[in-house]
PDB file of N, CA and C in Angstrom:
ATOM      1  N   UNK A   1     128.080-252.522 325.815  1.00  0.00           N
ATOM      2  CA  UNK A   1     127.176-251.274 325.122  1.00  0.00           C
ATOM      3  C   UNK A   1     127.159-250.522 323.065  1.00  0.00           C
ATOM      4  N   UNK A   2     126.000-249.994 322.982  1.00  0.00           N
ATOM      5  CA  UNK A   2     125.778-250.255 321.800  1.00  0.00           C
ATOM      6  C   UNK A   2     126.132-248.667 321.259  1.00  0.00           C
ATOM      7  N   UNK A   3     126.668-248.094 320.251  1.00  0.00           N
ATOM      8  CA  UNK A   3     126.960-247.145 319.952  1.00  0.00           C
ATOM      9  C   UNK A   3     125.771-245.855 319.898  1.00  0.00           C
ATOM     10  N   UNK A   4     125.672-244.586 320.044  1.00  0.00           N
ATOM     11  CA  UNK A   4     124.778-243.765 319.246  1.00  0.00           C
ATOM     12  C   UNK A   4     124.521-244.626 317.467  1.00  0.00           C
ATOM     13  N   UNK A   5     125.314-244.427 316.870  1.00  0.00           N
ATOM     14  CA  UNK A   5     124.989-244.894 315.443  1.00  0.00           C
ATOM     15  C   UNK A   5     124.091-246.393 315.531  1.00  0.00           C
ATOM     16  N   UNK A   6     124.945-247.747 316.281  1.00  0.00           N
ATOM     17  CA  UNK A   6     123.750-248.778 316.320  1.00  0.00           C
ATOM     18  C   UNK A   6     122.488-248.117 316.910  1.00  0.00           C
ATOM     19  N   UNK A   7     122.433-247.507 318.158  1.00  0.00           N
ATOM     20  CA  UNK A   7     121.173-247.455 318.543  1.00  0.00           C
ATOM     21  C   UNK A   7     120.218-247.404 317.844  1.00  0.00           C
ATOM     22  N   UNK A   8     120.274-245.520 316.613  1.00  0.00           N
ATOM     23  CA  UNK A   8     119.666-245.156 315.579  1.00  0.00           C
ATOM     24  C   UNK A   8     118.993-246.495 314.517  1.00  0.00           C
ATOM     25  N   UNK A   9     119.858-247.161 314.146  1.00  0.00           N
ATOM     26  CA  UNK A   9     119.895-248.817 313.422  1.00  0.00           C
ATOM     27  C   UNK A   9     118.850-249.558 313.593  1.00  0.00           C
ATOM     28  N   UNK A  10     119.131-249.448 315.205  1.00  0.00           N
ATOM     29  CA  UNK A  10     118.109-250.597 315.865  1.00  0.00           C
ATOM     30  C   UNK A  10     116.751-250.280 316.150  1.00  0.00           C
ATOM     31  N   UNK A  11     116.534-248.514 316.215  1.00  0.00           N
ATOM     32  CA  UNK A  11     115.609-248.352 316.062  1.00  0.00           C
ATOM     33  C   UNK A  11     114.339-247.814 315.305  1.00  0.00           C
ATOM     34  N   UNK A  12     115.601-247.525 313.874  1.00  0.00           N
ATOM     35  CA  UNK A  12     114.273-247.138 312.360  1.00  0.00           C
ATOM     36  C   UNK A  12     114.009-247.846 312.072  1.00  0.00           C
ATOM     37  N   UNK A  13     112.681-247.512 311.725  1.00  0.00           N
ATOM     38  CA  UNK A  13     110.888-248.334 310.752  1.00  0.00           C
ATOM     39  C   UNK A  13     111.493-247.721 309.376  1.00  0.00           C
ATOM     40  N   UNK A  14     112.109-248.843 309.242  1.00  0.00           N
ATOM     41  CA  UNK A  14     112.566-249.190 307.272  1.00  0.00           C
ATOM     42  C   UNK A  14     111.018-249.073 306.791  1.00  0.00           C
ATOM     43  N   UNK A  15     109.969-249.315 307.352  1.00  0.00           N
ATOM     44  CA  UNK A  15     108.438-249.394 306.043  1.00  0.00           C
ATOM     45  C   UNK A  15     108.432-248.034 306.396  1.00  0.00           C
ATOM     46  N   UNK A  16     108.886-247.000 307.274  1.00  0.00           N
ATOM     47  CA  UNK A  16     108.397-245.717 307.342  1.00  0.00           C
ATOM     48  C   UNK A  16     109.297-244.861 305.866  1.00  0.00           C
ATOM     49  N   UNK A  17     110.267-245.479 305.660  1.00  0.00           N
ATOM     50  CA  UNK A  17     111.403-244.350 304.467  1.00  0.00           C
ATOM     51  C   UNK A  17     110.299-244.107 303.383  1.00  0.00           C
ATOM     52  N   UNK A  18     111.151-243.703 301.976  1.00  0.00           N
ATOM     53  CA  UNK A  18     110.617-243.109 300.882  1.00  0.00           C
ATOM     54  C   UNK A  18     110.682-244.059 300.094  1.00  0.00           C
ATOM     55  N   UNK A  19     110.131-244.284 299.096  1.00  0.00           N
ATOM     56  CA  UNK A  19     111.216-244.788 297.992  1.00  0.00           C
ATOM     57  C   UNK A  19     112.266-244.190 297.708  1.00  0.00           C
ATOM     58  N   UNK A  20     112.602-243.127 297.627  1.00  0.00           N
ATOM     59  CA  UNK A  20     113.549-242.604 297.410  1.00  0.00           C
ATOM     60  C   UNK A  20     114.955-242.506 298.440  1.00  0.00           C
ATOM     61  N   UNK A  21     114.192-242.777 299.658  1.00  0.00           N
ATOM     62  CA  UNK A  21     115.218-243.240 301.025  1.00  0.00           C
ATOM     63  C   UNK A  21     115.668-244.162 300.770  1.00  0.00           C
ATOM     64  N   UNK A  22     115.270-245.560 300.831  1.00  0.00           N
ATOM     65  CA  UNK A  22     116.019-246.573 300.262  1.00  0.00           C
ATOM     66  C   UNK A  22     116.266-247.136 299.030  1.00  0.00           C
ATOM     67  N   UNK A  23     116.116-246.080 297.893  1.00  0.00           N
ATOM     68  CA  UNK A  23     117.443-246.322 296.787  1.00  0.00           C
ATOM     69  C   UNK A  23     118.064-245.757 296.677  1.00  0.00           C
ATOM     70  N   UNK A  24     118.263-244.780 297.334  1.00  0.00           N
ATOM     71  CA  UNK A  24     119.741-244.006 298.035  1.00  0.00           C
ATOM     72  C   UNK A  24     120.292-245.066 298.571  1.00  0.00           C
ATOM     73  N   UNK A  25     120.452-245.607 299.660  1.00  0.00           N
ATOM     74  CA  UNK A  25     121.086-246.347 300.479  1.00  0.00           C
ATOM     75  C   UNK A  25     121.299-248.118 299.572  1.00  0.00           C
ATOM     76  N   UNK A  26     120.364-248.261 298.786  1.00  0.00           N
ATOM     77  CA  UNK A  26     120.349-249.649 297.973  1.00  0.00           C
ATOM     78  C   UNK A  26     121.530-249.136 296.954  1.00  0.00           C
ATOM     79  N   UNK A  27     121.683-247.753 296.224  1.00  0.00           N
ATOM     80  CA  UNK A  27     122.258-247.701 294.612  1.00  0.00           C
ATOM     81  C   UNK A  27     124.010-247.853 295.840  1.00  0.00           C
ATOM     82  N   UNK A  28     124.098-247.312 296.747  1.00  0.00           N
ATOM     83  CA  UNK A  28     125.467-247.438 297.344  1.00  0.00           C
ATOM     84  C   UNK A  28     125.649-249.025 297.861  1.00  0.00           C
ATOM     85  N   UNK A  29     124.649-249.374 298.644  1.00  0.00           N
ATOM     86  CA  UNK A  29     124.972-250.783 298.441  1.00  0.00           C
ATOM     87  C   UNK A  29     125.207-252.151 297.231  1.00  0.00           C
ATOM     88  N   UNK A  30     124.426-251.370 296.652  1.00  0.00           N
ATOM     89  CA  UNK A  30     125.053-252.900 294.915  1.00  0.00           C
ATOM     90  C   UNK A  30     125.910-252.090 294.071  1.00  0.00           C
ATOM     91  N   UNK A  31     126.118-251.062 294.264  1.00  0.00           N
ATOM     92  CA  UNK A  31     127.418-250.306 293.872  1.00  0.00           C
ATOM     93  C   UNK A  31     128.866-250.616 294.559  1.00  0.00           C
ATOM     94  N   UNK A  32     128.803-251.016 296.070  1.00  0.00           N
ATOM     95  CA  UNK A  32     129.997-251.588 296.488  1.00  0.00           C
ATOM     96  C   UNK A  32     130.147-253.090 296.520  1.00  0.00           C
ATOM     97  N   UNK A  33     128.821-253.833 296.104  1.00  0.00           N
ATOM     98  CA  UNK A  33     128.664-255.713 296.558  1.00  0.00           C
ATOM     99  C   UNK A  33     128.930-255.616 294.456  1.00  0.00           C
ATOM    100  N   UNK A  34     128.976-255.027 294.019  1.00  0.00           N
ATOM    101  CA  UNK A  34     129.369-255.319 291.957  1.00  0.00           C
ATOM    102  C   UNK A  34     130.989-254.678 291.954  1.00  0.00           C
ATOM    103  N   UNK A  35     131.185-253.606 292.903  1.00  0.00           N
ATOM    104  CA  UNK A  35     132.841-253.394 293.085  1.00  0.00           C
ATOM    105  C   UNK A  35     133.644-254.335 293.531  1.00  0.00           C
ATOM    106  N   UNK A  36     133.498-254.909 294.683  1.00  0.00           N
ATOM    107  CA  UNK A  36     133.837-256.356 295.186  1.00  0.00           C
ATOM    108  C   UNK A  36     133.483-257.577 294.817  1.00  0.00           C
ATOM    109  N   UNK A  37     132.595-257.468 293.644  1.00  0.00           N
ATOM    110  CA  UNK A  37     132.312-259.121 292.828  1.00  0.00           C
ATOM    111  C   UNK A  37     133.280-258.588 291.659  1.00  0.00           C
ATOM    112  N   UNK A  38     133.523-257.884 291.370  1.00  0.00           N
ATOM    113  CA  UNK A  38     134.322-257.360 290.428  1.00  0.00           C
ATOM    114  C   UNK A  38     135.892-257.532 290.389  1.00  0.00           C
ATOM    115  N   UNK A  39     136.390-256.956 291.443  1.00  0.00           N
ATOM    116  CA  UNK A  39     137.875-257.099 292.158  1.00  0.00           C
ATOM    117  C   UNK A  39     137.814-258.244 291.663  1.00  0.00           C
ATOM    118  N   UNK A  40     136.956-259.399 292.546  1.00  0.00           N
ATOM    119  CA  UNK A  40     136.921-260.856 293.274  1.00  0.00           C
ATOM    120  C   UNK A  40     137.174-261.192 291.658  1.00  0.00           C
ATOM    121  N   UNK A  41     136.931-261.012 290.274  1.00  0.00           N
ATOM    122  CA  UNK A  41     136.683-261.164 289.429  1.00  0.00           C
ATOM    123  C   UNK A  41     138.020-261.120 288.532  1.00  0.00           C
ATOM    124  N   UNK A  42     139.433-260.532 289.227  1.00  0.00           N
ATOM    125  CA  UNK A  42     140.440-260.477 289.001  1.00  0.00           C
ATOM    126  C   UNK A  42     140.572-259.302 288.086  1.00  0.00           C
ATOM    127  N   UNK A  43     139.595-258.416 288.446  1.00  0.00           N
ATOM    128  CA  UNK A  43     140.016-257.355 287.200  1.00  0.00           C
ATOM    129  C   UNK A  43     140.749-256.465 288.110  1.00  0.00           C
ATOM    130  N   UNK A  44     141.874-255.590 287.929  1.00  0.00           N
ATOM    131  CA  UNK A  44     143.416-254.863 288.780  1.00  0.00           C
ATOM    132  C   UNK A  44     142.988-253.314 288.431  1.00  0.00           C
ATOM    133  N   UNK A  45     142.711-253.100 286.794  1.00  0.00           N
ATOM    134  CA  UNK A  45     143.039-251.882 286.379  1.00  0.00           C
ATOM    135  C   UNK A  45     141.768-251.250 286.046  1.00  0.00           C
ATOM    136  N   UNK A  46     142.093-249.999 286.728  1.00  0.00           N
ATOM    137  CA  UNK A  46     141.324-248.894 286.753  1.00  0.00           C
ATOM    138  C   UNK A  46     139.818-248.709 286.097  1.00  0.00           C
ATOM    139  N   UNK A  47     140.326-248.581 284.457  1.00  0.00           N
ATOM    140  CA  UNK A  47     139.959-248.533 283.719  1.00  0.00           C
ATOM    141  C   UNK A  47     138.759-250.328 283.241  1.00  0.00           C
ATOM    142  N   UNK A  48     139.530-250.511 283.576  1.00  0.00           N
ATOM    143  CA  UNK A  48     138.339-252.427 283.384  1.00  0.00           C
ATOM    144  C   UNK A  48     137.607-252.500 284.253  1.00  0.00           C
ATOM    145  N   UNK A  49     137.942-252.105 285.918  1.00  0.00           N
ATOM    146  CA  UNK A  49     136.890-252.011 286.806  1.00  0.00           C
ATOM    147  C   UNK A  49     135.653-250.721 286.512  1.00  0.00           C
ATOM    148  N   UNK A  50     135.653-249.991 286.029  1.00  0.00           N
ATOM    149  CA  UNK A  50     134.723-248.954 286.279  1.00  0.00           C
ATOM    150  C   UNK A  50     133.780-249.760 284.918  1.00  0.00           C
ATOM    151  N   UNK A  51     134.714-249.670 283.664  1.00  0.00           N
ATOM    152  CA  UNK A  51     133.969-250.394 282.576  1.00  0.00           C
ATOM    153  C   UNK A  51     133.105-252.196 283.195  1.00  0.00           C
ATOM    154  N   UNK A  52     133.245-252.739 283.657  1.00  0.00           N
ATOM    155  CA  UNK A  52     132.711-254.039 284.295  1.00  0.00           C
ATOM    156  C   UNK A  52     131.425-253.674 285.024  1.00  0.00           C
ATOM    157  N   UNK A  53     132.305-252.872 286.087  1.00  0.00           N
ATOM    158  CA  UNK A  53     131.265-252.228 287.217  1.00  0.00           C
ATOM    159  C   UNK A  53     129.544-251.505 286.295  1.00  0.00           C
ATOM    160  N   UNK A  54     129.969-250.888 285.462  1.00  0.00           N
ATOM    161  CA  UNK A  54     129.168-249.459 285.041  1.00  0.00           C
ATOM    162  C   UNK A  54     128.029-250.787 284.135  1.00  0.00           C
ATOM    163  N   UNK A  55     128.562-251.994 283.644  1.00  0.00           N
ATOM    164  CA  UNK A  55     127.677-252.948 282.702  1.00  0.00           C
ATOM    165  C   UNK A  55     126.763-253.927 284.215  1.00  0.00           C
ATOM    166  N   UNK A  56     127.167-253.429 284.902  1.00  0.00           N
ATOM    167  CA  UNK A  56     126.026-253.975 286.222  1.00  0.00           C
ATOM    168  C   UNK A  56     124.899-252.746 286.862  1.00  0.00           C
ATOM    169  N   UNK A  57     125.750-251.766 287.534  1.00  0.00           N
ATOM    170  CA  UNK A  57     124.553-250.798 287.689  1.00  0.00           C
ATOM    171  C   UNK A  57     124.186-249.653 286.834  1.00  0.00           C
ATOM    172  N   UNK A  58     124.232-249.593 286.147  1.00  0.00           N
ATOM    173  CA  UNK A  58     123.504-249.019 285.050  1.00  0.00           C
ATOM    174  C   UNK A  58     121.911-249.107 284.787  1.00  0.00           C
ATOM    175  N   UNK A  59     121.276-248.229 284.574  1.00  0.00           N
ATOM    176  CA  UNK A  59     119.540-248.002 284.104  1.00  0.00           C
ATOM    177  C   UNK A  59     119.534-249.224 283.997  1.00  0.00           C
ATOM    178  N   UNK A  60     119.260-249.463 282.365  1.00  0.00           N
ATOM    179  CA  UNK A  60     119.357-250.545 282.009  1.00  0.00           C
ATOM    180  C   UNK A  60     119.814-252.039 282.496  1.00  0.00           C
ATOM    181  N   UNK A  61     120.961-251.843 283.322  1.00  0.00           N
ATOM    182  CA  UNK A  61     121.115-253.695 283.754  1.00  0.00           C
ATOM    183  C   UNK A  61     119.760-254.051 284.530  1.00  0.00           C
ATOM    184  N   UNK A  62     119.803-252.383 285.803  1.00  0.00           N
ATOM    185  CA  UNK A  62     119.165-252.884 286.139  1.00  0.00           C
ATOM    186  C   UNK A  62     117.567-253.024 286.564  1.00  0.00           C
ATOM    187  N   UNK A  63     117.749-252.096 284.859  1.00  0.00           N
ATOM    188  CA  UNK A  63     116.412-252.452 284.824  1.00  0.00           C
ATOM    189  C   UNK A  63     116.047-254.126 284.546  1.00  0.00           C
ATOM    190  N   UNK A  64     117.074-254.395 283.841  1.00  0.00           N
ATOM    191  CA  UNK A  64     116.886-256.815 283.131  1.00  0.00           C
ATOM    192  C   UNK A  64     116.433-257.112 284.499  1.00  0.00           C
ATOM    193  N   UNK A  65     117.381-256.811 285.419  1.00  0.00           N
ATOM    194  CA  UNK A  65     117.863-257.147 286.371  1.00  0.00           C
ATOM    195  C   UNK A  65     116.273-257.551 287.352  1.00  0.00           C
ATOM    196  N   UNK A  66     115.148-256.066 287.636  1.00  0.00           N
ATOM    197  CA  UNK A  66     114.284-256.581 288.836  1.00  0.00           C
ATOM    198  C   UNK A  66     113.260-257.191 287.563  1.00  0.00           C
ATOM    199  N   UNK A  67     113.082-257.084 286.407  1.00  0.00           N
ATOM    200  CA  UNK A  67     112.040-257.425 285.453  1.00  0.00           C
ATOM    201  C   UNK A  67     112.329-259.098 285.534  1.00  0.00           C
ATOM    202  N   UNK A  68     113.755-259.416 284.991  1.00  0.00           N
ATOM    203  CA  UNK A  68     113.707-260.940 285.716  1.00  0.00           C
ATOM    204  C   UNK A  68     113.676-261.331 287.162  1.00  0.00           C
ATOM    205  N   UNK A  69     113.637-260.771 288.941  1.00  0.00           N
ATOM    206  CA  UNK A  69     113.568-260.939 289.575  1.00  0.00           C
ATOM    207  C   UNK A  69     112.096-260.970 289.915  1.00  0.00           C
ATOM    208  N   UNK A  70     111.287-259.971 289.200  1.00  0.00           N
ATOM    209  CA  UNK A  70     109.837-259.987 289.765  1.00  0.00           C
ATOM    210  C   UNK A  70     109.021-261.269 290.157  1.00  0.00           C
ATOM    211  N   UNK A  71     109.349-262.321 289.250  1.00  0.00           N
ATOM    212  CA  UNK A  71     108.218-263.289 289.326  1.00  0.00           C
ATOM    213  C   UNK A  71     108.569-264.285 291.101  1.00  0.00           C
ATOM    214  N   UNK A  72     110.421-263.662 291.554  1.00  0.00           N
ATOM    215  CA  UNK A  72     110.580-264.422 292.526  1.00  0.00           C
ATOM    216  C   UNK A  72     110.743-263.515 293.675  1.00  0.00           C
ATOM    217  N   UNK A  73     109.800-262.479 293.497  1.00  0.00           N
ATOM    218  CA  UNK A  73     109.658-262.109 294.667  1.00  0.00           C
ATOM    219  C   UNK A  73     108.472-262.035 295.618  1.00  0.00           C
ATOM    220  N   UNK A  74     108.699-261.503 296.732  1.00  0.00           N
ATOM    221  CA  UNK A  74     107.575-262.196 297.634  1.00  0.00           C
ATOM    222  C   UNK A  74     107.050-260.935 297.435  1.00  0.00           C
ATOM    223  N   UNK A  75     105.441-260.747 298.181  1.00  0.00           N
ATOM    224  CA  UNK A  75     104.255-259.789 297.616  1.00  0.00           C
ATOM    225  C   UNK A  75     105.440-258.632 298.557  1.00  0.00           C
ATOM    226  N   UNK A  76     105.249-258.504 299.753  1.00  0.00           N
ATOM    227  CA  UNK A  76     106.317-257.836 300.628  1.00  0.00           C
ATOM    228  C   UNK A  76     108.006-257.187 299.771  1.00  0.00           C
ATOM    229  N   UNK A  77     108.473-257.551 299.108  1.00  0.00           N
ATOM    230  CA  UNK A  77     109.096-257.242 298.345  1.00  0.00           C
ATOM    231  C   UNK A  77     109.219-256.363 297.049  1.00  0.00           C
ATOM    232  N   UNK A  78     108.098-257.272 296.203  1.00  0.00           N
ATOM    233  CA  UNK A  78     106.762-255.845 295.458  1.00  0.00           C
ATOM    234  C   UNK A  78     106.392-255.070 295.961  1.00  0.00           C
ATOM    235  N   UNK A  79     105.961-254.764 297.084  1.00  0.00           N
ATOM    236  CA  UNK A  79     105.441-253.494 297.902  1.00  0.00           C
ATOM    237  C   UNK A  79     106.724-252.760 297.572  1.00  0.00           C
ATOM    238  N   UNK A  80     107.721-253.537 298.352  1.00  0.00           N
ATOM    239  CA  UNK A  80     108.780-252.254 298.464  1.00  0.00           C
ATOM    240  C   UNK A  80     109.170-251.698 297.243  1.00  0.00           C
ATOM    241  N   UNK A  81     109.343-252.892 296.209  1.00  0.00           N
ATOM    242  CA  UNK A  81     109.103-251.847 294.774  1.00  0.00           C
ATOM    243  C   UNK A  81     108.777-251.123 294.072  1.00  0.00           C
ATOM    244  N   UNK A  82     107.950-250.976 294.477  1.00  0.00           N
ATOM    245  CA  UNK A  82     106.355-250.315 293.784  1.00  0.00           C
ATOM    246  C   UNK A  82     106.681-249.036 294.535  1.00  0.00           C
ATOM    247  N   UNK A  83     107.310-248.827 296.063  1.00  0.00           N
ATOM    248  CA  UNK A  83     106.766-248.234 296.794  1.00  0.00           C
ATOM    249  C   UNK A  83     108.407-247.216 295.803  1.00  0.00           C
ATOM    250  N   UNK A  84     109.863-247.800 295.764  1.00  0.00           N
ATOM    251  CA  UNK A  84     110.238-246.771 294.862  1.00  0.00           C
ATOM    252  C   UNK A  84     110.486-246.241 294.093  1.00  0.00           C
ATOM    253  N   UNK A  85     109.836-246.999 293.152  1.00  0.00           N
ATOM    254  CA  UNK A  85     109.086-247.108 291.551  1.00  0.00           C
ATOM    255  C   UNK A  85     108.121-246.024 291.181  1.00  0.00           C
ATOM    256  N   UNK A  86     107.138-245.759 292.066  1.00  0.00           N
ATOM    257  CA  UNK A  86     106.465-244.542 292.544  1.00  0.00           C
ATOM    258  C   UNK A  86     106.555-243.353 292.919  1.00  0.00           C
ATOM    259  N   UNK A  87     107.987-243.085 293.128  1.00  0.00           N
ATOM    260  CA  UNK A  87     108.654-242.238 293.364  1.00  0.00           C
ATOM    261  C   UNK A  87     108.260-240.732 292.821  1.00  0.00           C
ATOM    262  N   UNK A  88     108.065-239.434 293.019  1.00  0.00           N
ATOM    263  CA  UNK A  88     107.710-238.503 291.968  1.00  0.00           C
ATOM    264  C   UNK A  88     108.686-238.253 290.824  1.00  0.00           C
ATOM    265  N   UNK A  89     109.118-239.050 290.231  1.00  0.00           N
ATOM    266  CA  UNK A  89     110.222-238.937 289.354  1.00  0.00           C
ATOM    267  C   UNK A  89     109.676-237.844 288.066  1.00  0.00           C
ATOM    268  N   UNK A  90     110.041-236.568 287.665  1.00  0.00           N
ATOM    269  CA  UNK A  90     109.513-236.206 286.568  1.00  0.00           C
ATOM    270  C   UNK A  90     110.360-236.675 285.618  1.00  0.00           C
ATOM    271  N   UNK A  91     109.876-236.433 284.364  1.00  0.00           N
ATOM    272  CA  UNK A  91     110.486-236.668 282.923  1.00  0.00           C
ATOM    273  C   UNK A  91     111.396-237.436 283.386  1.00  0.00           C
ATOM    274  N   UNK A  92     110.927-238.956 283.748  1.00  0.00           N
ATOM    275  CA  UNK A  92     111.599-240.115 283.427  1.00  0.00           C
ATOM    276  C   UNK A  92     111.410-241.005 283.242  1.00  0.00           C
ATOM    277  N   UNK A  93     112.126-241.693 281.956  1.00  0.00           N
ATOM    278  CA  UNK A  93     111.703-242.959 281.587  1.00  0.00           C
ATOM    279  C   UNK A  93     111.436-244.817 282.465  1.00  0.00           C
ATOM    280  N   UNK A  94     110.667-245.387 281.562  1.00  0.00           N
ATOM    281  CA  UNK A  94     110.084-246.189 283.118  1.00  0.00           C
ATOM    282  C   UNK A  94     111.549-247.197 282.936  1.00  0.00           C
ATOM    283  N   UNK A  95     112.595-246.922 282.519  1.00  0.00           N
ATOM    284  CA  UNK A  95     113.442-248.403 282.599  1.00  0.00           C
ATOM    285  C   UNK A  95     114.645-247.336 283.689  1.00  0.00           C
ATOM    286  N   UNK A  96     114.418-246.174 283.859  1.00  0.00           N
ATOM    287  CA  UNK A  96     114.922-245.508 285.185  1.00  0.00           C
ATOM    288  C   UNK A  96     114.201-245.394 286.645  1.00  0.00           C
ATOM    289  N   UNK A  97     112.611-246.098 285.726  1.00  0.00           N
ATOM    290  CA  UNK A  97     111.760-245.752 287.208  1.00  0.00           C
ATOM    291  C   UNK A  97     111.675-247.444 287.720  1.00  0.00           C
ATOM    292  N   UNK A  98     111.821-248.143 286.931  1.00  0.00           N
ATOM    293  CA  UNK A  98     112.196-249.648 287.267  1.00  0.00           C
ATOM    294  C   UNK A  98     113.749-249.824 288.239  1.00  0.00           C
ATOM    295  N   UNK A  99     114.780-249.448 287.979  1.00  0.00           N
ATOM    296  CA  UNK A  99     116.023-249.216 288.320  1.00  0.00           C
ATOM    297  C   UNK A  99     115.823-248.707 289.576  1.00  0.00           C
ATOM    298  N   UNK A 100     114.953-247.947 290.192  1.00  0.00           N
ATOM    299  CA  UNK A 100     114.958-246.638 291.417  1.00  0.00           C
ATOM    300  C   UNK A 100     114.183-248.174 292.294  1.00  0.00           C
ATOM    301  N   UNK A 101     113.233-248.538 291.224  1.00  0.00           N
ATOM    302  CA  UNK A 101     112.399-249.457 292.625  1.00  0.00           C
ATOM    303  C   UNK A 101     113.008-250.888 292.738  1.00  0.00           C
ATOM    304  N   UNK A 102     114.362-251.406 291.863  1.00  0.00           N
ATOM    305  CA  UNK A 102     115.034-252.156 292.169  1.00  0.00           C
ATOM    306  C   UNK A 102     116.483-251.429 293.438  1.00  0.00           C
ATOM    307  N   UNK A 103     116.526-250.751 293.010  1.00  0.00           N
ATOM    308  CA  UNK A 103     117.585-249.402 294.279  1.00  0.00           C
ATOM    309  C   UNK A 103     117.023-249.633 295.452  1.00  0.00           C
ATOM    310  N   UNK A 104     115.416-249.547 295.984  1.00  0.00           N
ATOM    311  CA  UNK A 104     114.753-249.444 297.077  1.00  0.00           C
ATOM    312  C   UNK A 104     114.632-250.213 297.565  1.00  0.00           C
ATOM    313  N   UNK A 105     114.219-251.846 296.699  1.00  0.00           N
ATOM    314  CA  UNK A 105     114.185-253.079 297.074  1.00  0.00           C
ATOM    315  C   UNK A 105     115.860-253.233 297.861  1.00  0.00           C
ATOM    316  N   UNK A 106     116.544-253.457 297.235  1.00  0.00           N
ATOM    317  CA  UNK A 106     117.819-253.928 297.454  1.00  0.00           C
ATOM    318  C   UNK A 106     118.706-252.496 299.096  1.00  0.00           C
ATOM    319  N   UNK A 107     118.037-250.829 298.718  1.00  0.00           N
ATOM    320  CA  UNK A 107     118.264-250.823 299.945  1.00  0.00           C
ATOM    321  C   UNK A 107     117.689-251.196 301.299  1.00  0.00           C
ATOM    322  N   UNK A 108     116.255-251.823 301.039  1.00  0.00           N
ATOM    323  CA  UNK A 108     115.073-252.440 301.817  1.00  0.00           C
ATOM    324  C   UNK A 108     115.712-253.601 302.370  1.00  0.00           C
ATOM    325  N   UNK A 109     116.343-254.380 301.982  1.00  0.00           N
ATOM    326  CA  UNK A 109     116.977-255.564 302.144  1.00  0.00           C
ATOM    327  C   UNK A 109     118.114-255.519 303.140  1.00  0.00           C
ATOM    328  N   UNK A 110     118.723-254.354 302.316  1.00  0.00           N
ATOM    329  CA  UNK A 110     119.972-254.503 303.028  1.00  0.00           C
ATOM    330  C   UNK A 110     119.243-253.427 304.469  1.00  0.00           C
ATOM    331  N   UNK A 111     118.433-252.999 304.608  1.00  0.00           N
ATOM    332  CA  UNK A 111     118.662-252.908 306.163  1.00  0.00           C
ATOM    333  C   UNK A 111     117.959-253.252 306.855  1.00  0.00           C
ATOM    334  N   UNK A 112     117.395-253.924 306.752  1.00  0.00           N
ATOM    335  CA  UNK A 112     116.612-254.766 306.821  1.00  0.00           C
ATOM    336  C   UNK A 112     117.591-256.207 307.334  1.00  0.00           C
ATOM    337  N   UNK A 113     118.854-255.777 306.371  1.00  0.00           N
ATOM    338  CA  UNK A 113     119.843-257.183 307.791  1.00  0.00           C
ATOM    339  C   UNK A 113     119.523-258.585 306.441  1.00  0.00           C
ATOM    340  N   UNK A 114     118.612-258.777 305.684  1.00  0.00           N
ATOM    341  CA  UNK A 114     117.756-260.004 305.132  1.00  0.00           C
ATOM    342  C   UNK A 114     119.272-259.950 303.775  1.00  0.00           C
ATOM    343  N   UNK A 115     120.077-261.054 304.623  1.00  0.00           N
ATOM    344  CA  UNK A 115     121.089-261.106 303.247  1.00  0.00           C
ATOM    345  C   UNK A 115     121.091-262.103 302.692  1.00  0.00           C
ATOM    346  N   UNK A 116     120.309-263.579 302.875  1.00  0.00           N
ATOM    347  CA  UNK A 116     120.117-264.119 302.024  1.00  0.00           C
ATOM    348  C   UNK A 116     119.444-263.808 300.708  1.00  0.00           C
ATOM    349  N   UNK A 117     118.130-263.185 301.190  1.00  0.00           N
ATOM    350  CA  UNK A 117     117.364-262.266 299.634  1.00  0.00           C
ATOM    351  C   UNK A 117     118.213-261.378 298.813  1.00  0.00           C
ATOM    352  N   UNK A 118     119.359-260.498 299.619  1.00  0.00           N
ATOM    353  CA  UNK A 118     120.589-259.719 298.694  1.00  0.00           C
ATOM    354  C   UNK A 118     120.924-260.435 298.002  1.00  0.00           C
ATOM    355  N   UNK A 119     121.636-261.751 298.465  1.00  0.00           N
ATOM    356  CA  UNK A 119     122.069-263.151 297.242  1.00  0.00           C
ATOM    357  C   UNK A 119     121.350-263.710 296.476  1.00  0.00           C
TER     358      UNK A 119
END
């Protein structure tokens, strides 16, 4: 028997979520993924963990990641990236906007349980 959360998760249409919604969950997933990655690299001091994580999750890093990934993305993934990127960001620079598109893509892939593409 499915729990209420599982039932809602199953019924949600991820194509209807806004770019901001997708970026919200993508940011959380990516942060946790990177924290796990850094821990498995052997860093155990809190200051080191924080510094290493920030190197990956900053908007500058996410901007670089998405620029390098763009040629590898499918049409659907580019559409999701653009949906996150085109959210109404007032007074934000292109680096921030690109990072938000990256987070939206990560959120979409996570919600769709597309682990192969997330990796």
